């Protein structure tokens, strides 16, 4: 009887909670995108990836979602290392490049922040999001232009998105 209650609770909670994405043995929460929102064919044309990316950026800058919940585990570790270069407990630039050069373009890592290179910002909006290419791992490369609406500062980024479960994750940001 207890097993039936537990299974029923899990089944019902899957309809009313965020989608869970399993990556590298750990569970990450997707950003409020229901399981049925994307169909398998949506993963082929980039529209679903673009829709997800725009929502992820918006929610990140509204501070309702953490970087680790919208990025792959490898990219999150890489970006955390990049932002902590030469800080207490961080690695040196040569050590960073040696560790990550086989997986990422370390020359375009961006050492000051995630998505934008500003510690202080006001309101960030996406002014452009163009699909540039598909990637060999069934991902999508978008050219994204972000703008701080108040300071008028512009940030141009190439962002790689990959499918993960029934959603997407950011796999790289070239700054």
N, C-alpha and C. Protein backbone atom coordinates (compact mmCIF):
# COMPACT_ATOMS: atom_id res chain seq x y z
N UNK A 1 0.82 -1.20 0.00
CA UNK A 1 0.00 0.00 0.00
C UNK A 1 0.87 1.26 0.00
N UNK A 2 1.95 1.25 0.81
CA UNK A 2 2.86 2.40 0.86
C UNK A 2 3.50 2.66 -0.51
N UNK A 3 3.85 1.57 -1.20
CA UNK A 3 4.46 1.72 -2.51
C UNK A 3 3.48 2.37 -3.49
N UNK A 4 2.21 2.00 -3.41
CA UNK A 4 1.20 2.57 -4.29
C UNK A 4 1.05 4.07 -4.02
N UNK A 5 1.07 4.47 -2.77
CA UNK A 5 0.96 5.88 -2.41
C UNK A 5 2.16 6.66 -2.93
N UNK A 6 3.35 6.10 -2.75
CA UNK A 6 4.57 6.75 -3.22
C UNK A 6 4.56 6.89 -4.74
N UNK A 7 4.20 5.82 -5.45
CA UNK A 7 4.16 5.88 -6.91
C UNK A 7 3.12 6.88 -7.40
N UNK A 8 1.97 6.90 -6.77
CA UNK A 8 0.93 7.85 -7.15
C UNK A 8 1.39 9.29 -6.92
N UNK A 9 2.04 9.53 -5.79
CA UNK A 9 2.56 10.86 -5.47
C UNK A 9 3.60 11.30 -6.49
N UNK A 10 4.52 10.41 -6.83
CA UNK A 10 5.55 10.74 -7.83
C UNK A 10 4.92 11.01 -9.19
N UNK A 11 3.95 10.18 -9.56
CA UNK A 11 3.28 10.36 -10.85
C UNK A 11 2.58 11.72 -10.92
N UNK A 12 1.83 12.06 -9.89
CA UNK A 12 1.11 13.33 -9.87
C UNK A 12 2.07 14.52 -9.81
N UNK A 13 3.13 14.38 -9.04
CA UNK A 13 4.08 15.50 -8.93
C UNK A 13 4.78 15.79 -10.25
N UNK A 14 4.92 14.77 -11.10
CA UNK A 14 5.56 14.99 -12.40
C UNK A 14 4.73 15.91 -13.29
N UNK A 15 3.41 15.94 -13.08
CA UNK A 15 2.56 16.82 -13.86
C UNK A 15 2.59 18.26 -13.36
N UNK A 16 2.92 18.46 -12.09
CA UNK A 16 2.83 19.78 -11.50
C UNK A 16 4.17 20.40 -11.14
N UNK A 17 5.25 19.78 -11.49
CA UNK A 17 6.55 20.33 -11.15
C UNK A 17 7.37 20.56 -12.41
N UNK A 18 8.53 21.16 -12.23
CA UNK A 18 9.43 21.40 -13.36
C UNK A 18 9.96 20.08 -13.87
N UNK A 19 10.36 20.06 -15.12
CA UNK A 19 10.95 18.88 -15.72
C UNK A 19 12.33 18.65 -15.12
N UNK A 20 12.66 17.40 -14.86
CA UNK A 20 13.99 17.09 -14.38
C UNK A 20 14.83 16.62 -15.55
N UNK A 21 16.07 17.08 -15.58
CA UNK A 21 17.00 16.74 -16.65
C UNK A 21 18.14 15.99 -16.02
N UNK A 22 18.44 14.81 -16.52
CA UNK A 22 19.52 14.02 -15.95
C UNK A 22 20.76 14.21 -16.82
N UNK A 23 21.83 14.67 -16.22
CA UNK A 23 23.09 14.85 -16.95
C UNK A 23 24.22 14.36 -16.08
N UNK A 24 25.06 13.51 -16.62
CA UNK A 24 26.25 13.02 -15.94
C UNK A 24 25.95 12.51 -14.54
N UNK A 25 24.85 11.78 -14.39
CA UNK A 25 24.54 11.16 -13.12
C UNK A 25 23.93 12.07 -12.07
N UNK A 26 23.71 13.33 -12.36
CA UNK A 26 23.09 14.21 -11.38
C UNK A 26 21.82 14.79 -11.97
N UNK A 27 20.92 15.22 -11.11
CA UNK A 27 19.64 15.74 -11.58
C UNK A 27 19.69 17.26 -11.53
N UNK A 28 19.23 17.90 -12.59
CA UNK A 28 19.13 19.35 -12.66
C UNK A 28 17.69 19.68 -12.98
N UNK A 29 17.22 20.79 -12.49
CA UNK A 29 15.87 21.23 -12.80
C UNK A 29 15.88 22.12 -14.03
N UNK A 30 14.97 21.86 -14.91
CA UNK A 30 14.78 22.73 -16.05
C UNK A 30 14.04 23.98 -15.59
N UNK A 31 13.99 24.97 -16.42
CA UNK A 31 13.34 26.21 -16.01
C UNK A 31 11.89 26.23 -16.46
N UNK A 32 11.04 25.76 -15.63
CA UNK A 32 9.60 25.86 -15.79
C UNK A 32 9.10 25.58 -17.20
N UNK A 33 9.60 24.55 -17.82
CA UNK A 33 9.12 24.15 -19.13
C UNK A 33 8.53 22.76 -18.98
N UNK A 34 7.25 22.63 -19.28
CA UNK A 34 6.59 21.35 -19.07
C UNK A 34 7.12 20.32 -20.05
N UNK A 35 7.00 19.05 -19.67
CA UNK A 35 7.51 17.96 -20.48
C UNK A 35 6.89 17.94 -21.87
N UNK A 36 5.64 18.31 -21.98
CA UNK A 36 4.94 18.21 -23.25
C UNK A 36 5.11 19.43 -24.13
N UNK A 37 5.87 20.41 -23.70
CA UNK A 37 6.01 21.64 -24.48
C UNK A 37 6.78 21.41 -25.78
N UNK A 38 7.78 20.54 -25.77
CA UNK A 38 8.57 20.30 -26.96
C UNK A 38 8.33 18.89 -27.48
N UNK A 39 8.18 18.80 -28.78
CA UNK A 39 8.04 17.51 -29.44
C UNK A 39 9.40 17.13 -30.00
N UNK A 40 9.58 15.85 -30.30
CA UNK A 40 10.86 15.38 -30.81
C UNK A 40 11.30 16.16 -32.04
N UNK A 41 10.37 16.47 -32.94
CA UNK A 41 10.74 17.20 -34.15
C UNK A 41 11.17 18.64 -33.87
N UNK A 42 10.76 19.20 -32.73
CA UNK A 42 11.17 20.56 -32.37
C UNK A 42 12.68 20.65 -32.16
N UNK A 43 13.31 19.55 -31.80
CA UNK A 43 14.74 19.56 -31.52
C UNK A 43 15.56 19.63 -32.81
N UNK A 44 14.92 19.50 -33.96
CA UNK A 44 15.64 19.49 -35.23
C UNK A 44 15.76 20.85 -35.88
N UNK A 45 14.86 21.79 -35.62
CA UNK A 45 14.87 23.06 -36.36
C UNK A 45 15.38 24.25 -35.57
N UNK A 46 15.64 24.10 -34.32
CA UNK A 46 16.21 25.18 -33.53
C UNK A 46 15.20 26.12 -32.90
N UNK A 47 13.95 26.08 -33.32
CA UNK A 47 12.95 27.00 -32.75
C UNK A 47 12.73 26.73 -31.26
N UNK A 48 12.66 25.45 -30.90
CA UNK A 48 12.47 25.12 -29.48
C UNK A 48 13.70 25.55 -28.67
N UNK A 49 14.88 25.36 -29.25
CA UNK A 49 16.12 25.78 -28.56
C UNK A 49 16.14 27.29 -28.39
N UNK A 50 15.74 28.02 -29.40
CA UNK A 50 15.71 29.48 -29.31
C UNK A 50 14.72 29.93 -28.24
N UNK A 51 13.54 29.34 -28.25
CA UNK A 51 12.52 29.68 -27.26
C UNK A 51 13.04 29.41 -25.84
N UNK A 52 13.68 28.25 -25.66
CA UNK A 52 14.24 27.91 -24.35
C UNK A 52 15.34 28.89 -23.96
N UNK A 53 16.24 29.21 -24.90
CA UNK A 53 17.35 30.11 -24.61
C UNK A 53 16.86 31.49 -24.19
N UNK A 54 15.90 32.04 -24.90
CA UNK A 54 15.36 33.35 -24.54
C UNK A 54 14.76 33.34 -23.14
N UNK A 55 14.04 32.29 -22.82
CA UNK A 55 13.43 32.19 -21.49
C UNK A 55 14.51 32.00 -20.42
N UNK A 56 15.52 31.19 -20.71
CA UNK A 56 16.60 30.95 -19.75
C UNK A 56 17.37 32.23 -19.45
N UNK A 57 17.69 33.01 -20.48
CA UNK A 57 18.40 34.28 -20.28
C UNK A 57 17.55 35.23 -19.46
N UNK A 58 16.28 35.36 -19.82
CA UNK A 58 15.38 36.25 -19.09
C UNK A 58 15.30 35.85 -17.62
N UNK A 59 15.11 34.58 -17.34
CA UNK A 59 14.99 34.13 -15.96
C UNK A 59 16.31 34.23 -15.21
N UNK A 60 17.43 34.05 -15.89
CA UNK A 60 18.72 34.19 -15.23
C UNK A 60 18.92 35.63 -14.74
N UNK A 61 18.62 36.60 -15.58
CA UNK A 61 18.83 37.99 -15.19
C UNK A 61 17.75 38.52 -14.25
N UNK A 62 16.66 37.82 -14.17
CA UNK A 62 15.67 38.17 -13.14
C UNK A 62 15.99 37.45 -11.83
N UNK A 63 17.10 36.71 -11.85
CA UNK A 63 17.61 35.97 -10.69
C UNK A 63 16.62 34.94 -10.17
N UNK A 64 15.88 34.33 -11.09
CA UNK A 64 14.97 33.27 -10.68
C UNK A 64 15.50 31.88 -11.06
N UNK A 65 16.65 31.84 -11.71
CA UNK A 65 17.27 30.57 -12.05
C UNK A 65 18.79 30.74 -11.92
N UNK A 66 19.45 29.72 -11.40
CA UNK A 66 20.90 29.74 -11.23
C UNK A 66 21.60 29.26 -12.50
N UNK A 67 22.82 29.73 -12.71
CA UNK A 67 23.61 29.33 -13.87
C UNK A 67 23.72 27.81 -13.96
N UNK A 68 23.96 27.15 -12.86
CA UNK A 68 24.15 25.70 -12.88
C UNK A 68 22.91 24.94 -13.33
N UNK A 69 21.74 25.56 -13.28
CA UNK A 69 20.51 24.89 -13.70
C UNK A 69 20.20 25.05 -15.18
N UNK A 70 20.95 25.90 -15.87
CA UNK A 70 20.71 26.09 -17.30
C UNK A 70 21.94 25.77 -18.14
N UNK A 71 22.99 25.25 -17.51
CA UNK A 71 24.22 24.90 -18.23
C UNK A 71 24.55 23.43 -18.00
N UNK A 72 25.37 22.90 -18.90
CA UNK A 72 25.87 21.54 -18.68
C UNK A 72 26.82 21.55 -17.49
N UNK A 73 27.03 20.42 -16.90
CA UNK A 73 27.93 20.32 -15.76
C UNK A 73 29.35 20.75 -16.16
N UNK A 74 29.81 20.30 -17.33
CA UNK A 74 31.16 20.65 -17.79
C UNK A 74 31.30 22.15 -18.01
N UNK A 75 30.31 22.78 -18.66
CA UNK A 75 30.41 24.22 -18.89
C UNK A 75 30.35 24.98 -17.57
N UNK A 76 29.53 24.56 -16.65
CA UNK A 76 29.44 25.23 -15.36
C UNK A 76 30.79 25.19 -14.63
N UNK A 77 31.45 24.03 -14.62
CA UNK A 77 32.76 23.92 -13.98
C UNK A 77 33.79 24.81 -14.68
N UNK A 78 33.78 24.78 -15.99
CA UNK A 78 34.69 25.60 -16.81
C UNK A 78 34.48 27.09 -16.50
N UNK A 79 33.23 27.53 -16.50
CA UNK A 79 32.94 28.95 -16.28
C UNK A 79 33.30 29.37 -14.85
N UNK A 80 33.05 28.51 -13.87
CA UNK A 80 33.42 28.83 -12.50
C UNK A 80 34.94 28.96 -12.38
N UNK A 81 35.67 28.06 -13.04
CA UNK A 81 37.14 28.18 -13.04
C UNK A 81 37.56 29.50 -13.69
N UNK A 82 36.93 29.85 -14.82
CA UNK A 82 37.28 31.09 -15.54
C UNK A 82 37.04 32.33 -14.68
N UNK A 83 35.92 32.36 -13.99
CA UNK A 83 35.59 33.54 -13.19
C UNK A 83 36.44 33.66 -11.92
N UNK A 84 37.11 32.56 -11.55
CA UNK A 84 37.92 32.57 -10.33
C UNK A 84 39.42 32.57 -10.59
N UNK A 85 39.84 32.81 -11.84
CA UNK A 85 41.27 32.86 -12.15
C UNK A 85 41.94 33.93 -11.29
N UNK A 86 43.06 33.53 -10.68
CA UNK A 86 43.89 34.40 -9.84
C UNK A 86 43.17 34.95 -8.61
N UNK A 87 42.05 34.36 -8.25
CA UNK A 87 41.38 34.72 -7.00
C UNK A 87 41.86 33.74 -5.92
N UNK A 88 41.56 34.04 -4.68
CA UNK A 88 41.91 33.11 -3.60
C UNK A 88 41.27 31.75 -3.87
N UNK A 89 42.08 30.74 -3.96
CA UNK A 89 41.59 29.39 -4.23
C UNK A 89 41.39 29.09 -5.70
N UNK A 90 41.51 30.11 -6.56
CA UNK A 90 41.35 29.91 -8.00
C UNK A 90 42.66 29.50 -8.64
N UNK A 91 42.59 29.11 -9.89
CA UNK A 91 43.80 28.69 -10.59
C UNK A 91 44.40 29.85 -11.38
N UNK A 92 45.61 29.65 -11.85
CA UNK A 92 46.27 30.66 -12.68
C UNK A 92 45.74 30.52 -14.11
N UNK A 93 45.95 31.55 -14.93
CA UNK A 93 45.52 31.50 -16.31
C UNK A 93 46.17 30.34 -17.07
N UNK A 94 47.50 30.11 -16.94
CA UNK A 94 48.10 28.96 -17.64
C UNK A 94 47.50 27.62 -17.19
N UNK A 95 47.23 27.48 -15.91
CA UNK A 95 46.63 26.23 -15.41
C UNK A 95 45.22 26.07 -15.97
N UNK A 96 44.45 27.15 -16.04
CA UNK A 96 43.11 27.13 -16.60
C UNK A 96 43.15 26.69 -18.06
N UNK A 97 44.05 27.31 -18.83
CA UNK A 97 44.15 26.98 -20.26
C UNK A 97 44.56 25.53 -20.46
N UNK A 98 45.48 25.04 -19.65
CA UNK A 98 45.92 23.65 -19.76
C UNK A 98 44.77 22.70 -19.45
N UNK A 99 44.00 23.00 -18.42
CA UNK A 99 42.90 22.13 -18.01
C UNK A 99 41.78 22.08 -19.05
N UNK A 100 41.44 23.21 -19.66
CA UNK A 100 40.23 23.28 -20.47
C UNK A 100 40.43 23.42 -21.98
N UNK A 101 41.68 23.60 -22.47
CA UNK A 101 41.87 23.89 -23.89
C UNK A 101 41.39 22.78 -24.82
N UNK A 102 41.33 21.55 -24.35
CA UNK A 102 40.87 20.46 -25.22
C UNK A 102 39.35 20.42 -25.37
N UNK A 103 38.62 21.09 -24.47
CA UNK A 103 37.15 21.06 -24.52
C UNK A 103 36.51 22.38 -24.90
N UNK A 104 37.19 23.51 -24.62
CA UNK A 104 36.61 24.83 -24.83
C UNK A 104 37.63 25.77 -25.45
N UNK A 105 37.15 26.83 -26.09
CA UNK A 105 38.01 27.88 -26.62
C UNK A 105 38.34 28.83 -25.47
N UNK A 106 39.43 28.60 -24.78
CA UNK A 106 39.77 29.37 -23.58
C UNK A 106 40.07 30.84 -23.88
N UNK A 107 40.36 31.16 -25.13
CA UNK A 107 40.61 32.56 -25.49
C UNK A 107 39.32 33.38 -25.46
N UNK A 108 38.17 32.70 -25.54
CA UNK A 108 36.87 33.39 -25.52
C UNK A 108 36.03 32.95 -24.31
N UNK A 109 36.70 32.69 -23.20
CA UNK A 109 36.03 32.18 -22.00
C UNK A 109 35.19 33.24 -21.31
N UNK A 110 35.67 34.47 -21.29
CA UNK A 110 34.98 35.50 -20.51
C UNK A 110 35.23 35.26 -19.04
N UNK A 111 36.04 36.07 -18.43
CA UNK A 111 36.49 35.83 -17.06
C UNK A 111 35.71 36.63 -16.02
N UNK A 112 34.83 37.52 -16.46
CA UNK A 112 34.20 38.44 -15.51
C UNK A 112 32.79 38.06 -15.09
N UNK A 113 32.09 37.27 -15.85
CA UNK A 113 30.73 36.91 -15.49
C UNK A 113 30.13 35.96 -16.49
N UNK A 114 28.90 35.54 -16.21
CA UNK A 114 28.18 34.63 -17.09
C UNK A 114 27.26 35.44 -18.00
N UNK A 115 27.40 35.26 -19.29
CA UNK A 115 26.64 35.91 -20.35
C UNK A 115 27.00 37.37 -20.59
N UNK A 116 27.31 38.11 -19.56
CA UNK A 116 27.75 39.49 -19.73
C UNK A 116 29.04 39.70 -18.95
N UNK A 117 29.82 40.67 -19.37
CA UNK A 117 31.10 40.94 -18.69
C UNK A 117 30.98 42.20 -17.83
N UNK A 118 29.93 42.24 -17.04
CA UNK A 118 29.72 43.37 -16.14
C UNK A 118 29.24 42.84 -14.80
N UNK A 119 29.86 43.33 -13.74
CA UNK A 119 29.42 42.91 -12.41
C UNK A 119 28.15 43.64 -12.00
N UNK A 120 28.06 44.88 -12.37
CA UNK A 120 26.87 45.67 -12.06
C UNK A 120 26.09 45.89 -13.34
N UNK A 121 24.83 45.60 -13.30
CA UNK A 121 23.97 45.79 -14.46
C UNK A 121 22.58 46.17 -13.96
N UNK A 122 21.80 46.70 -14.86
CA UNK A 122 20.47 47.17 -14.50
C UNK A 122 19.41 46.20 -14.99
N UNK A 123 19.02 46.33 -16.25
CA UNK A 123 18.04 45.43 -16.85
C UNK A 123 18.62 44.94 -18.17
N UNK A 124 18.81 43.64 -18.26
CA UNK A 124 19.38 43.04 -19.46
C UNK A 124 18.24 42.51 -20.33
N UNK A 125 18.32 42.84 -21.62
CA UNK A 125 17.35 42.31 -22.57
C UNK A 125 18.08 41.72 -23.76
N UNK A 126 17.43 40.78 -24.43
CA UNK A 126 17.98 40.18 -25.64
C UNK A 126 17.47 41.02 -26.81
N UNK A 127 18.39 41.60 -27.57
CA UNK A 127 17.98 42.41 -28.72
C UNK A 127 18.03 41.61 -30.02
N UNK A 128 18.78 40.50 -30.02
CA UNK A 128 18.88 39.67 -31.21
C UNK A 128 19.26 38.25 -30.80
N UNK A 129 18.67 37.26 -31.46
CA UNK A 129 19.02 35.86 -31.22
C UNK A 129 18.85 35.13 -32.55
N UNK A 130 19.96 34.93 -33.24
CA UNK A 130 19.93 34.33 -34.57
C UNK A 130 20.59 32.95 -34.57
N UNK A 131 19.92 31.97 -35.16
CA UNK A 131 20.50 30.65 -35.31
C UNK A 131 21.59 30.72 -36.37
N UNK A 132 22.82 30.41 -35.96
CA UNK A 132 23.95 30.49 -36.89
C UNK A 132 24.26 29.14 -37.54
N UNK A 133 24.12 28.07 -36.75
CA UNK A 133 24.55 26.77 -37.24
C UNK A 133 24.03 25.67 -36.33
N UNK A 134 24.04 24.46 -36.83
CA UNK A 134 23.82 23.30 -35.97
C UNK A 134 25.19 22.71 -35.67
N UNK A 135 25.28 21.93 -34.59
CA UNK A 135 26.56 21.36 -34.19
C UNK A 135 26.54 19.85 -34.34
N UNK A 136 27.69 19.24 -34.34
CA UNK A 136 27.78 17.80 -34.57
C UNK A 136 27.14 16.98 -33.45
N UNK A 137 26.91 17.59 -32.29
CA UNK A 137 26.27 16.88 -31.19
C UNK A 137 24.77 17.22 -31.08
N UNK A 138 24.16 17.53 -32.24
CA UNK A 138 22.73 17.86 -32.34
C UNK A 138 22.35 19.14 -31.62
N UNK A 139 23.32 20.00 -31.40
CA UNK A 139 23.06 21.27 -30.74
C UNK A 139 22.87 22.39 -31.75
N UNK A 140 22.76 23.60 -31.21
CA UNK A 140 22.53 24.78 -32.03
C UNK A 140 23.45 25.89 -31.55
N UNK A 141 23.98 26.65 -32.48
CA UNK A 141 24.82 27.80 -32.15
C UNK A 141 24.05 29.06 -32.50
N UNK A 142 23.82 29.90 -31.49
CA UNK A 142 23.08 31.15 -31.67
C UNK A 142 24.00 32.34 -31.48
N UNK A 143 23.84 33.35 -32.31
CA UNK A 143 24.50 34.64 -32.11
C UNK A 143 23.49 35.50 -31.35
N UNK A 144 23.84 35.86 -30.13
CA UNK A 144 22.93 36.58 -29.23
C UNK A 144 23.53 37.94 -28.89
N UNK A 145 22.70 38.96 -28.97
CA UNK A 145 23.10 40.30 -28.56
C UNK A 145 22.26 40.67 -27.34
N UNK A 146 22.97 40.96 -26.25
CA UNK A 146 22.34 41.37 -25.00
C UNK A 146 22.61 42.85 -24.79
N UNK A 147 21.67 43.53 -24.18
CA UNK A 147 21.84 44.96 -23.94
C UNK A 147 21.37 45.31 -22.54
N UNK A 148 22.19 46.11 -21.86
CA UNK A 148 21.74 46.68 -20.60
C UNK A 148 20.90 47.89 -20.98
N UNK A 149 19.62 47.82 -20.72
CA UNK A 149 18.68 48.85 -21.15
C UNK A 149 19.02 50.22 -20.57
N UNK A 150 19.54 50.27 -19.34
CA UNK A 150 19.84 51.55 -18.70
C UNK A 150 21.18 52.11 -19.16
N UNK A 151 22.26 51.32 -19.07
CA UNK A 151 23.59 51.82 -19.42
C UNK A 151 23.86 51.79 -20.92
N UNK A 152 23.00 51.09 -21.67
CA UNK A 152 23.12 50.94 -23.13
C UNK A 152 24.32 50.09 -23.55
N UNK A 153 24.96 49.41 -22.59
CA UNK A 153 26.10 48.55 -22.91
C UNK A 153 25.61 47.32 -23.68
N UNK A 154 26.37 46.93 -24.70
CA UNK A 154 26.02 45.82 -25.59
C UNK A 154 26.99 44.66 -25.36
N UNK A 155 26.45 43.44 -25.35
CA UNK A 155 27.25 42.22 -25.17
C UNK A 155 26.88 41.25 -26.29
N UNK A 156 27.85 40.94 -27.16
CA UNK A 156 27.63 40.00 -28.27
C UNK A 156 28.21 38.66 -27.87
N UNK A 157 27.39 37.61 -27.97
CA UNK A 157 27.80 36.27 -27.55
C UNK A 157 27.36 35.23 -28.57
N UNK A 158 28.19 34.20 -28.73
CA UNK A 158 27.81 33.01 -29.47
C UNK A 158 27.53 31.95 -28.42
N UNK A 159 26.30 31.44 -28.40
CA UNK A 159 25.87 30.52 -27.35
C UNK A 159 25.47 29.19 -27.97
N UNK A 160 26.10 28.14 -27.47
CA UNK A 160 25.81 26.79 -27.95
C UNK A 160 24.81 26.14 -26.99
N UNK A 161 23.73 25.62 -27.55
CA UNK A 161 22.68 24.95 -26.80
C UNK A 161 22.64 23.49 -27.25
N UNK A 162 22.51 22.57 -26.30
CA UNK A 162 22.36 21.16 -26.66
C UNK A 162 21.09 20.59 -26.04
N UNK A 163 20.47 19.62 -26.72
CA UNK A 163 19.31 18.96 -26.13
C UNK A 163 19.72 18.19 -24.88
N UNK A 164 18.83 18.19 -23.90
CA UNK A 164 19.07 17.44 -22.67
C UNK A 164 17.71 16.99 -22.14
N UNK A 165 17.46 15.70 -22.23
CA UNK A 165 16.15 15.21 -21.83
C UNK A 165 15.10 15.81 -22.75
N UNK A 166 14.08 16.43 -22.16
CA UNK A 166 13.02 17.06 -22.95
C UNK A 166 13.18 18.58 -22.95
N UNK A 167 14.41 19.04 -22.76
CA UNK A 167 14.69 20.47 -22.73
C UNK A 167 16.07 20.70 -23.34
N UNK A 168 16.74 21.75 -22.93
CA UNK A 168 18.05 22.12 -23.45
C UNK A 168 18.93 22.61 -22.31
N UNK A 169 20.24 22.68 -22.59
CA UNK A 169 21.20 23.27 -21.67
C UNK A 169 22.21 24.07 -22.47
N UNK A 170 22.76 25.10 -21.86
CA UNK A 170 23.83 25.87 -22.48
C UNK A 170 25.12 25.07 -22.31
N UNK A 171 25.80 24.79 -23.43
CA UNK A 171 27.01 23.99 -23.41
C UNK A 171 28.27 24.84 -23.57
N UNK A 172 28.11 26.09 -24.06
CA UNK A 172 29.26 26.97 -24.22
C UNK A 172 28.78 28.38 -24.55
N UNK A 173 29.53 29.36 -24.10
CA UNK A 173 29.28 30.76 -24.44
C UNK A 173 30.62 31.35 -24.86
N UNK A 174 30.70 31.78 -26.11
CA UNK A 174 31.92 32.41 -26.62
C UNK A 174 31.78 33.91 -26.49
N UNK A 175 32.68 34.50 -25.70
CA UNK A 175 32.63 35.95 -25.46
C UNK A 175 33.72 36.65 -26.22
